[in-house]
Amino acid sequence: MPVYDYECEKCHFQFELKRRFGEDGTANCPRCRGKSRRIFTSVPVIFKGSGFYVTDHRKGGVAKSGTEKPPDKAPDSPPKKD
């Protein structure tokens, strides 16, 4: 079950509760029994290891399907007339 952070609107006490996904999001403060609201915080992203997976960033020369990409060439230009 996930743990959610709450803050009391009356006494500003912060606490955590384990709640099920389908459960109602409201809770009462354990100190004063006042109405509390859920606190939303951002989740940090931590990159570990030497880098990304091959599928995360394509290197030049390899197409998405795994086949090699043809080399870039200039379009054929008509012969110059003197």
Protein backbone atom coordinates (compact mmCIF):
# COMPACT_ATOMS: atom_id res chain seq x y z
CA MET A 1 0.00 0.00 0.00
CA PRO A 2 1.30 3.49 -0.77
CA VAL A 3 2.10 6.02 1.95
CA TYR A 4 0.63 9.52 1.63
CA ASP A 5 1.56 12.75 3.42
CA TYR A 6 -1.16 14.83 5.10
CA GLU A 7 -1.27 18.18 6.89
CA CYS A 8 -3.91 19.28 9.38
CA GLU A 9 -5.73 22.48 8.42
CA LYS A 10 -6.23 23.39 12.08
CA CYS A 11 -2.93 22.71 13.91
CA HIS A 12 -0.67 22.25 10.80
CA PHE A 13 0.61 18.87 12.07
CA GLN A 14 2.10 16.76 9.27
CA PHE A 15 1.69 12.98 9.29
CA GLU A 16 1.76 9.94 6.99
CA LEU A 17 -0.94 7.35 6.33
CA LYS A 18 -0.98 4.10 4.41
CA ARG A 19 -3.98 4.14 2.11
CA ARG A 20 -5.29 1.81 -0.58
CA PHE A 21 -5.60 3.13 -4.13
CA GLY A 22 -9.40 3.01 -4.15
CA GLU A 23 -9.74 4.46 -0.65
CA ASP A 24 -11.09 7.95 0.04
CA GLY A 25 -8.35 10.62 0.25
CA THR A 26 -9.70 12.43 3.31
CA ALA A 27 -8.27 11.87 6.81
CA ASN A 28 -8.55 13.32 10.32
CA CYS A 29 -5.57 14.66 12.26
CA PRO A 30 -4.32 12.21 14.92
CA ARG A 31 -3.62 15.12 17.34
CA CYS A 32 -6.70 17.36 17.22
CA ARG A 33 -9.09 15.29 15.03
CA GLY A 34 -9.34 18.25 12.66
CA LYS A 35 -9.77 18.04 8.90
CA SER A 36 -6.53 17.39 7.01
CA ARG A 37 -5.50 17.65 3.39
CA ARG A 38 -3.15 15.55 1.32
CA ILE A 39 0.25 17.01 0.44
CA PHE A 40 1.59 16.40 -3.07
CA THR A 41 5.36 16.44 -3.53
CA SER A 42 7.60 15.83 -6.51
CA VAL A 43 9.53 12.59 -6.78
CA PRO A 44 13.29 12.94 -7.29
CA VAL A 45 14.88 11.25 -10.30
CA ILE A 46 18.18 9.52 -9.58
CA PHE A 47 20.33 8.24 -12.43
CA LYS A 48 22.71 5.48 -11.39
CA GLY A 49 25.26 3.63 -13.48
CA SER A 50 27.51 4.52 -16.36
CA GLY A 51 24.82 5.87 -18.69
CA PHE A 52 21.60 5.19 -20.50
CA TYR A 53 20.45 2.08 -22.27
CA VAL A 54 21.07 1.79 -26.01
CA THR A 55 17.34 2.14 -26.68
CA ASP A 56 17.15 5.43 -24.77
CA HIS A 57 19.39 7.41 -27.11
CA ARG A 58 20.11 6.51 -30.70
CA LYS A 59 23.64 6.88 -31.96
CA GLY A 60 24.20 8.30 -35.43
CA GLY A 61 24.06 5.74 -38.22
CA VAL A 62 21.58 3.37 -36.61
CA ALA A 63 17.93 3.61 -37.60
CA LYS A 64 15.05 2.91 -35.20
CA SER A 65 14.52 -0.60 -36.57
CA GLY A 66 18.17 -1.50 -35.95
CA THR A 67 19.26 -1.36 -39.59
CA GLU A 68 22.00 0.95 -40.69
CA LYS A 69 21.03 4.30 -42.10
CA PRO A 70 22.41 5.15 -45.56
CA PRO A 71 25.11 7.85 -45.49
CA ASP A 72 23.98 11.39 -46.13
CA LYS A 73 24.80 12.55 -49.65
CA ALA A 74 24.13 15.69 -51.59
CA PRO A 75 21.31 15.51 -54.14
CA ASP A 76 22.44 14.85 -57.68
CA SER A 77 22.91 18.14 -59.46
CA PRO A 78 22.62 18.53 -63.23
CA PRO A 79 25.94 18.91 -65.11
CA LYS A 80 27.10 22.46 -65.58
CA LYS A 81 27.03 23.93 -69.08
CA ASP A 82 29.94 26.13 -70.14
